[in-house]
Amino acid sequence: MGIISWIVLGLIAGALAKWIMPGKDPGGFIVTILIGVAGAFVGGFVGSLVGLGTVGGLSLGSIVTAIVGALILLFAYRLIANRAG
């Protein structure tokens, strides 16, 4: 999957992660979307390592993997930002 597809999938994953996990994020919606892009990469990497799937094509499995990655990163970001603030 090309880098543009990863970014688009990450944007979708970030928006869905924000919808699934609402609340005030230190940094706003743009930071949440960027975390979604990173989550798509992390989700695809970790998913491929443990054999749960990859973000290798635009499918339901790749979207779920990217969303899970985005949720994990969003949760970690909130923990770190709340402790620092």
N, C-alpha and C. Protein backbone atom coordinates (compact mmCIF):
# COMPACT_ATOMS: atom_id res chain seq x y z
N MET A 1 0.86 -1.17 0.00
CA MET A 1 0.00 0.00 0.00
C MET A 1 0.90 1.22 0.00
N GLY A 2 0.59 2.19 -0.82
CA GLY A 2 1.41 3.38 -0.93
C GLY A 2 1.27 4.30 0.26
N ILE A 3 2.21 5.20 0.36
CA ILE A 3 2.26 6.13 1.49
C ILE A 3 1.02 7.03 1.52
N ILE A 4 0.51 7.40 0.36
CA ILE A 4 -0.69 8.25 0.32
C ILE A 4 -1.88 7.48 0.89
N SER A 5 -1.98 6.20 0.55
CA SER A 5 -3.07 5.38 1.09
C SER A 5 -2.97 5.24 2.59
N TRP A 6 -1.75 5.10 3.11
CA TRP A 6 -1.55 5.01 4.56
C TRP A 6 -2.01 6.30 5.23
N ILE A 7 -1.67 7.41 4.62
CA ILE A 7 -2.05 8.71 5.20
C ILE A 7 -3.57 8.88 5.18
N VAL A 8 -4.19 8.54 4.05
CA VAL A 8 -5.65 8.65 3.97
C VAL A 8 -6.32 7.72 4.97
N LEU A 9 -5.83 6.48 5.06
CA LEU A 9 -6.37 5.55 6.03
C LEU A 9 -6.15 6.05 7.45
N GLY A 10 -5.01 6.67 7.71
CA GLY A 10 -4.73 7.24 9.03
C GLY A 10 -5.65 8.41 9.36
N LEU A 11 -5.98 9.22 8.36
CA LEU A 11 -6.92 10.31 8.59
C LEU A 11 -8.29 9.77 8.97
N ILE A 12 -8.72 8.74 8.27
CA ILE A 12 -10.00 8.11 8.59
C ILE A 12 -9.95 7.48 9.97
N ALA A 13 -8.86 6.78 10.26
CA ALA A 13 -8.70 6.12 11.57
C ALA A 13 -8.67 7.14 12.69
N GLY A 14 -8.01 8.27 12.49
CA GLY A 14 -7.95 9.31 13.51
C GLY A 14 -9.31 9.90 13.80
N ALA A 15 -10.07 10.15 12.73
CA ALA A 15 -11.42 10.70 12.92
C ALA A 15 -12.31 9.70 13.63
N LEU A 16 -12.22 8.44 13.26
CA LEU A 16 -13.03 7.41 13.92
C LEU A 16 -12.59 7.18 15.37
N ALA A 17 -11.29 7.24 15.62
CA ALA A 17 -10.80 7.08 16.99
C ALA A 17 -11.30 8.23 17.87
N LYS A 18 -11.32 9.42 17.33
CA LYS A 18 -11.84 10.57 18.08
C LYS A 18 -13.33 10.40 18.36
N TRP A 19 -14.06 9.83 17.41
CA TRP A 19 -15.48 9.58 17.58
C TRP A 19 -15.72 8.48 18.62
N ILE A 20 -14.90 7.43 18.59
CA ILE A 20 -15.04 6.32 19.54
C ILE A 20 -14.63 6.74 20.94
N MET A 21 -13.60 7.57 21.04
CA MET A 21 -13.04 7.98 22.32
C MET A 21 -13.15 9.49 22.47
N PRO A 22 -14.38 9.99 22.67
CA PRO A 22 -14.54 11.45 22.74
C PRO A 22 -13.92 12.01 24.01
N GLY A 23 -13.73 13.28 24.00
CA GLY A 23 -13.16 13.97 25.15
C GLY A 23 -12.26 15.08 24.68
N LYS A 24 -11.83 15.86 25.63
CA LYS A 24 -10.97 16.98 25.30
C LYS A 24 -9.54 16.48 25.16
N ASP A 25 -8.97 16.74 24.01
CA ASP A 25 -7.59 16.37 23.76
C ASP A 25 -6.72 17.61 23.82
N PRO A 26 -5.61 17.51 24.53
CA PRO A 26 -4.68 18.63 24.53
C PRO A 26 -4.00 18.72 23.17
N GLY A 27 -4.40 19.62 22.35
CA GLY A 27 -3.85 19.74 21.01
C GLY A 27 -4.93 19.85 19.96
N GLY A 28 -6.13 19.44 20.29
CA GLY A 28 -7.25 19.61 19.38
C GLY A 28 -7.41 18.51 18.35
N PHE A 29 -8.29 18.77 17.42
CA PHE A 29 -8.69 17.79 16.42
C PHE A 29 -7.56 17.46 15.45
N ILE A 30 -6.76 18.47 15.08
CA ILE A 30 -5.67 18.25 14.14
C ILE A 30 -4.65 17.28 14.72
N VAL A 31 -4.27 17.46 15.98
CA VAL A 31 -3.33 16.55 16.62
C VAL A 31 -3.92 15.15 16.70
N THR A 32 -5.21 15.05 16.97
CA THR A 32 -5.86 13.75 17.02
C THR A 32 -5.80 13.06 15.67
N ILE A 33 -6.01 13.79 14.60
CA ILE A 33 -5.94 13.22 13.26
C ILE A 33 -4.51 12.78 12.95
N LEU A 34 -3.52 13.57 13.33
CA LEU A 34 -2.13 13.18 13.13
C LEU A 34 -1.78 11.93 13.93
N ILE A 35 -2.34 11.82 15.12
CA ILE A 35 -2.15 10.60 15.92
C ILE A 35 -2.79 9.42 15.18
N GLY A 36 -3.89 9.67 14.48
CA GLY A 36 -4.51 8.62 13.68
C GLY A 36 -3.62 8.14 12.56
N VAL A 37 -2.92 9.05 11.92
CA VAL A 37 -1.98 8.67 10.86
C VAL A 37 -0.86 7.81 11.46
N ALA A 38 -0.31 8.26 12.59
CA ALA A 38 0.73 7.46 13.27
C ALA A 38 0.16 6.13 13.72
N GLY A 39 -1.08 6.13 14.17
CA GLY A 39 -1.73 4.89 14.61
C GLY A 39 -1.90 3.90 13.49
N ALA A 40 -2.15 4.38 12.28
CA ALA A 40 -2.25 3.49 11.13
C ALA A 40 -0.92 2.79 10.89
N PHE A 41 0.16 3.54 10.99
CA PHE A 41 1.48 2.94 10.82
C PHE A 41 1.79 1.96 11.94
N VAL A 42 1.56 2.37 13.18
CA VAL A 42 1.84 1.51 14.33
C VAL A 42 0.94 0.28 14.30
N GLY A 43 -0.34 0.47 14.04
CA GLY A 43 -1.27 -0.65 13.98
C GLY A 43 -0.88 -1.65 12.91
N GLY A 44 -0.50 -1.16 11.75
CA GLY A 44 -0.07 -2.05 10.67
C GLY A 44 1.21 -2.79 11.02
N PHE A 45 2.15 -2.10 11.65
CA PHE A 45 3.41 -2.73 12.02
C PHE A 45 3.22 -3.79 13.09
N VAL A 46 2.52 -3.43 14.16
CA VAL A 46 2.29 -4.38 15.26
C VAL A 46 1.40 -5.54 14.79
N GLY A 47 0.38 -5.23 14.02
CA GLY A 47 -0.51 -6.27 13.51
C GLY A 47 0.22 -7.28 12.65
N SER A 48 1.15 -6.81 11.84
CA SER A 48 1.92 -7.73 11.00
C SER A 48 2.90 -8.55 11.82
N LEU A 49 3.42 -7.99 12.91
CA LEU A 49 4.35 -8.74 13.76
C LEU A 49 3.66 -9.89 14.50
N VAL A 50 2.44 -9.65 14.97
CA VAL A 50 1.75 -10.68 15.76
C VAL A 50 0.80 -11.52 14.91
N GLY A 51 0.71 -11.22 13.62
CA GLY A 51 -0.10 -12.02 12.72
C GLY A 51 -1.59 -11.73 12.77
N LEU A 52 -1.99 -10.58 13.29
CA LEU A 52 -3.40 -10.24 13.37
C LEU A 52 -3.90 -9.54 12.11
N GLY A 53 -3.03 -9.14 11.28
CA GLY A 53 -3.42 -8.44 10.06
C GLY A 53 -2.49 -7.28 9.83
N THR A 54 -2.67 -6.67 8.71
CA THR A 54 -1.82 -5.54 8.35
C THR A 54 -2.67 -4.42 7.80
N VAL A 55 -2.03 -3.31 7.57
CA VAL A 55 -2.67 -2.22 6.86
C VAL A 55 -2.11 -2.29 5.44
N GLY A 56 -2.34 -3.43 4.81
CA GLY A 56 -1.75 -3.70 3.50
C GLY A 56 -2.66 -3.41 2.34
N GLY A 57 -3.87 -3.10 2.56
CA GLY A 57 -4.81 -2.77 1.50
C GLY A 57 -6.03 -2.14 2.14
N LEU A 58 -6.81 -1.49 1.34
CA LEU A 58 -8.00 -0.84 1.89
C LEU A 58 -9.10 -1.88 2.04
N SER A 59 -9.22 -2.40 3.25
CA SER A 59 -10.24 -3.40 3.56
C SER A 59 -10.74 -3.14 4.98
N LEU A 60 -11.75 -3.86 5.36
CA LEU A 60 -12.28 -3.70 6.71
C LEU A 60 -11.23 -4.04 7.76
N GLY A 61 -10.46 -5.09 7.51
CA GLY A 61 -9.40 -5.47 8.45
C GLY A 61 -8.34 -4.41 8.61
N SER A 62 -7.96 -3.78 7.51
CA SER A 62 -6.93 -2.74 7.60
C SER A 62 -7.46 -1.50 8.32
N ILE A 63 -8.74 -1.19 8.11
CA ILE A 63 -9.33 -0.04 8.80
C ILE A 63 -9.40 -0.31 10.30
N VAL A 64 -9.81 -1.52 10.68
CA VAL A 64 -9.89 -1.88 12.10
C VAL A 64 -8.50 -1.84 12.73
N THR A 65 -7.51 -2.38 12.04
CA THR A 65 -6.14 -2.37 12.56
C THR A 65 -5.65 -0.94 12.76
N ALA A 66 -5.92 -0.07 11.80
CA ALA A 66 -5.50 1.33 11.91
C ALA A 66 -6.23 2.03 13.05
N ILE A 67 -7.52 1.75 13.22
CA ILE A 67 -8.29 2.38 14.29
C ILE A 67 -7.78 1.94 15.65
N VAL A 68 -7.49 0.65 15.79
CA VAL A 68 -6.96 0.16 17.07
C VAL A 68 -5.62 0.83 17.37
N GLY A 69 -4.76 0.95 16.38
CA GLY A 69 -3.50 1.66 16.57
C GLY A 69 -3.71 3.11 16.97
N ALA A 70 -4.67 3.77 16.33
CA ALA A 70 -4.97 5.17 16.66
C ALA A 70 -5.53 5.30 18.07
N LEU A 71 -6.39 4.38 18.46
CA LEU A 71 -6.95 4.41 19.82
C LEU A 71 -5.86 4.23 20.87
N ILE A 72 -4.94 3.32 20.62
CA ILE A 72 -3.85 3.08 21.57
C ILE A 72 -2.98 4.32 21.70
N LEU A 73 -2.62 4.92 20.57
CA LEU A 73 -1.79 6.12 20.62
C LEU A 73 -2.54 7.30 21.24
N LEU A 74 -3.83 7.43 20.95
CA LEU A 74 -4.62 8.51 21.53
C LEU A 74 -4.71 8.36 23.05
N PHE A 75 -4.92 7.14 23.51
CA PHE A 75 -4.97 6.87 24.95
C PHE A 75 -3.63 7.21 25.61
N ALA A 76 -2.54 6.77 25.00
CA ALA A 76 -1.20 7.05 25.55
C ALA A 76 -0.92 8.56 25.54
N TYR A 77 -1.33 9.24 24.48
CA TYR A 77 -1.13 10.68 24.39
C TYR A 77 -1.89 11.41 25.49
N ARG A 78 -3.11 11.00 25.73
CA ARG A 78 -3.90 11.63 26.80
C ARG A 78 -3.28 11.40 28.17
N LEU A 79 -2.77 10.19 28.41
CA LEU A 79 -2.11 9.92 29.69
C LEU A 79 -0.89 10.80 29.89
N ILE A 80 -0.07 10.88 28.87
CA ILE A 80 1.17 11.66 28.97
C ILE A 80 0.85 13.16 29.10
N ALA A 81 -0.08 13.64 28.30
CA ALA A 81 -0.42 15.07 28.32
C ALA A 81 -1.08 15.47 29.65
N ASN A 82 -1.90 14.61 30.22
CA ASN A 82 -2.54 14.93 31.49
C ASN A 82 -1.56 14.92 32.66
N ARG A 83 -0.56 14.05 32.60
CA ARG A 83 0.45 14.02 33.66
C ARG A 83 1.38 15.23 33.56
N ALA A 84 1.65 15.67 32.35
CA ALA A 84 2.54 16.81 32.16
C ALA A 84 1.82 18.13 32.51
N GLY A 85 0.51 18.15 32.37
CA GLY A 85 -0.24 19.39 32.56
C GLY A 85 -0.78 19.51 33.90
